[in-house]
Amino acid sequence: MEMVEPTLKSVWIAALLTTLFGPMGMFYSTATGGFIMIPVLIFLKIFVGGPILLLAWLVCVFWAVMAARP
């Protein structure tokens, strides 16, 4: 059985994609994070809004960067 190494992701590209596209950009580095944060951001947009939404966006960027680190 042959072992396949996972491909390394660029931290800068992960940060850029997530900054520009939010949780959709997270799919570059972590699909799980994208699937979790999309409904979270939709919920926050509908029911809360404001600075909390910006904070959640920054959490997305942080999560994507941490997931892309080797």
Protein backbone atom coordinates (compact mmCIF):
# COMPACT_ATOMS: atom_id res chain seq x y z
CA MET A 1 0.00 0.00 0.00
CA GLU A 2 1.45 3.33 -1.06
CA MET A 3 1.32 6.34 1.27
CA VAL A 4 0.27 9.63 -0.31
CA GLU A 5 1.43 12.83 1.34
CA PRO A 6 -1.09 15.66 1.54
CA THR A 7 -0.25 18.70 -0.55
CA LEU A 8 1.01 21.73 1.31
CA LYS A 9 -1.16 24.83 1.15
CA SER A 10 0.20 28.36 0.97
CA VAL A 11 -0.59 30.38 4.08
CA TRP A 12 -0.62 33.63 2.09
CA ILE A 13 -3.04 32.32 -0.50
CA ALA A 14 -5.30 30.94 2.26
CA ALA A 15 -5.32 34.34 3.98
CA LEU A 16 -5.97 36.21 0.73
CA LEU A 17 -8.80 33.95 -0.44
CA THR A 18 -10.50 33.99 2.94
CA THR A 19 -10.12 37.76 3.29
CA LEU A 20 -11.68 38.30 -0.13
CA PHE A 21 -14.34 35.58 -0.11
CA GLY A 22 -14.92 34.82 3.57
CA PRO A 23 -15.87 31.25 4.37
CA MET A 24 -15.95 30.36 0.67
CA GLY A 25 -12.20 31.09 0.58
CA MET A 26 -11.70 28.66 3.45
CA PHE A 27 -12.32 25.75 1.08
CA TYR A 28 -8.74 26.22 -0.15
CA SER A 29 -7.30 25.22 3.21
CA THR A 30 -10.12 23.55 5.15
CA ALA A 31 -13.42 22.35 3.76
CA THR A 32 -14.69 21.57 7.25
CA GLY A 33 -14.11 25.17 8.30
CA GLY A 34 -15.97 26.43 5.25
CA PHE A 35 -18.94 24.16 5.90
CA ILE A 36 -19.09 25.30 9.52
CA MET A 37 -18.57 29.03 9.02
CA ILE A 38 -20.99 29.56 6.10
CA PRO A 39 -24.11 28.88 8.23
CA VAL A 40 -22.58 30.73 11.17
CA LEU A 41 -22.03 33.86 9.08
CA ILE A 42 -25.50 33.61 7.54
CA PHE A 43 -27.02 33.36 11.01
CA LEU A 44 -24.98 36.32 12.27
CA LYS A 45 -25.88 38.40 9.20
CA ILE A 46 -29.62 37.78 9.67
CA PHE A 47 -29.91 38.03 13.44
CA VAL A 48 -26.96 40.07 14.73
CA GLY A 49 -24.99 41.98 12.09
CA GLY A 50 -22.60 44.81 12.92
CA PRO A 51 -19.14 44.35 14.39
CA ILE A 52 -19.83 40.74 15.36
CA LEU A 53 -20.00 39.89 11.66
CA LEU A 54 -16.58 41.47 11.11
CA LEU A 55 -15.19 39.53 14.05
CA ALA A 56 -16.55 36.26 12.60
CA TRP A 57 -14.94 37.13 9.24
CA LEU A 58 -11.59 37.57 11.01
CA VAL A 59 -12.09 34.22 12.73
CA CYS A 60 -12.50 32.70 9.27
CA VAL A 61 -9.18 34.21 8.15
CA PHE A 62 -7.41 32.99 11.30
CA TRP A 63 -8.86 29.48 10.94
CA ALA A 64 -7.84 29.26 7.28
CA VAL A 65 -4.29 30.41 8.03
CA MET A 66 -3.93 27.92 10.88
CA ALA A 67 -5.26 25.11 8.68
CA ALA A 68 -2.81 25.94 5.89
CA ARG A 69 0.25 25.92 8.14
CA PRO A 70 2.53 22.91 7.68
